[in-house]
Amino acid sequence: MLGTTQWMEEFYAEDPQITLFEDASAYLRTHVDDLEQWVKRRLEEVFPAVSHPLRFPRGGAPRYSFFFAVSNLRIAQDILRSADNLP
């Protein structure tokens, strides 16, 4: 879904503690802010204009983040400026 497997190395680390059955497991070592910034950087590799993410729902635990990405920079400037100023 993200176009690469690089996210696995960036967001997950091998748990140094071995279980009873000596199985190595991975754990998430990042925060939602880090995930959003990584996705934004990936989108910026393709689109010249990408808005800051909008998290939904606004209260409570985030379920998804909305990114607005546009290939035409001239048209996108006003739209992105408006999106960045949303409450």
Protein backbone atom coordinates (compact mmCIF):
# COMPACT_ATOMS: atom_id res chain seq x y z
CA MET A 1 0.00 0.00 0.00
CA LEU A 2 2.87 2.41 0.70
CA GLY A 3 4.84 1.42 -2.39
CA THR A 4 7.83 0.07 -0.48
CA THR A 5 8.75 -2.16 2.43
CA GLN A 6 11.04 0.51 3.88
CA TRP A 7 8.36 1.41 6.44
CA MET A 8 8.92 -1.92 8.20
CA GLU A 9 12.53 -1.04 9.00
CA GLU A 10 11.65 2.53 10.01
CA PHE A 11 8.67 1.80 12.25
CA TYR A 12 9.34 -1.62 13.71
CA ALA A 13 12.23 -2.95 15.75
CA GLU A 14 13.06 -6.48 16.81
CA ASP A 15 12.16 -7.10 20.43
CA PRO A 16 15.41 -7.83 22.28
CA GLN A 17 13.59 -10.02 24.79
CA ILE A 18 13.18 -13.61 23.61
CA THR A 19 10.00 -15.45 24.52
CA LEU A 20 9.79 -18.83 26.21
CA PHE A 21 9.84 -20.44 22.76
CA GLU A 22 12.76 -18.29 21.56
CA ASP A 23 10.65 -16.57 18.91
CA ALA A 24 11.80 -13.10 17.98
CA SER A 25 8.98 -10.61 17.69
CA ALA A 26 8.75 -7.06 16.46
CA TYR A 27 7.20 -4.07 18.15
CA LEU A 28 6.05 -0.71 16.88
CA ARG A 29 8.52 1.97 17.95
CA THR A 30 6.98 5.11 16.48
CA HIS A 31 4.11 7.54 16.98
CA VAL A 32 1.26 8.66 14.72
CA ASP A 33 3.08 11.96 14.05
CA ASP A 34 6.08 10.02 12.71
CA LEU A 35 3.86 7.85 10.50
CA GLU A 36 2.14 10.89 9.03
CA GLN A 37 5.41 12.66 8.30
CA TRP A 38 6.80 9.56 6.59
CA VAL A 39 3.70 9.23 4.39
CA LYS A 40 3.87 12.96 3.58
CA ARG A 41 7.51 12.61 2.49
CA ARG A 42 6.59 9.63 0.28
CA LEU A 43 3.76 11.60 -1.35
CA GLU A 44 6.12 14.54 -1.94
CA GLU A 45 8.32 12.24 -4.03
CA VAL A 46 5.47 12.06 -6.56
CA PHE A 47 3.40 15.24 -6.06
CA PRO A 48 4.85 18.76 -5.95
CA ALA A 49 2.18 19.96 -3.50
CA VAL A 50 1.10 17.94 -0.44
CA SER A 51 -0.90 19.34 2.46
CA HIS A 52 -0.23 18.68 6.11
CA PRO A 53 -2.30 15.67 7.24
CA LEU A 54 -5.73 16.13 8.78
CA ARG A 55 -6.50 13.50 11.42
CA PHE A 56 -9.94 12.01 11.84
CA PRO A 57 -11.73 11.86 14.15
CA ARG A 58 -10.46 15.09 15.62
CA GLY A 59 -11.09 13.93 19.18
CA GLY A 60 -9.95 10.61 20.60
CA ALA A 61 -7.73 8.03 18.96
CA PRO A 62 -6.92 8.79 15.29
CA ARG A 63 -8.35 6.34 12.78
CA TYR A 64 -7.03 7.83 9.57
CA SER A 65 -5.24 10.86 8.20
CA PHE A 66 -6.26 12.78 5.10
CA PHE A 67 -3.57 14.10 2.75
CA PHE A 68 -4.33 16.39 -0.16
CA ALA A 69 -1.82 15.91 -2.98
CA VAL A 70 -1.87 17.83 -6.26
CA SER A 71 0.30 17.60 -9.36
CA ASN A 72 -0.44 21.12 -10.68
CA LEU A 73 1.38 23.47 -8.31
CA ARG A 74 -0.18 26.68 -9.67
CA ILE A 75 -3.73 25.48 -9.03
CA ALA A 76 -2.80 23.84 -5.73
CA GLN A 77 -1.38 26.91 -3.98
CA ASP A 78 -4.75 28.41 -2.95
CA ILE A 79 -6.25 25.04 -2.07
CA LEU A 80 -3.29 23.99 0.09
CA ARG A 81 -3.18 27.37 1.80
CA SER A 82 -6.85 26.92 2.73
CA ALA A 83 -6.32 23.32 3.89
CA ASP A 84 -3.39 24.29 6.14
CA ASN A 85 -5.57 26.89 7.85
CA LEU A 86 -8.39 24.50 8.79
CA PRO A 87 -9.07 24.26 12.52
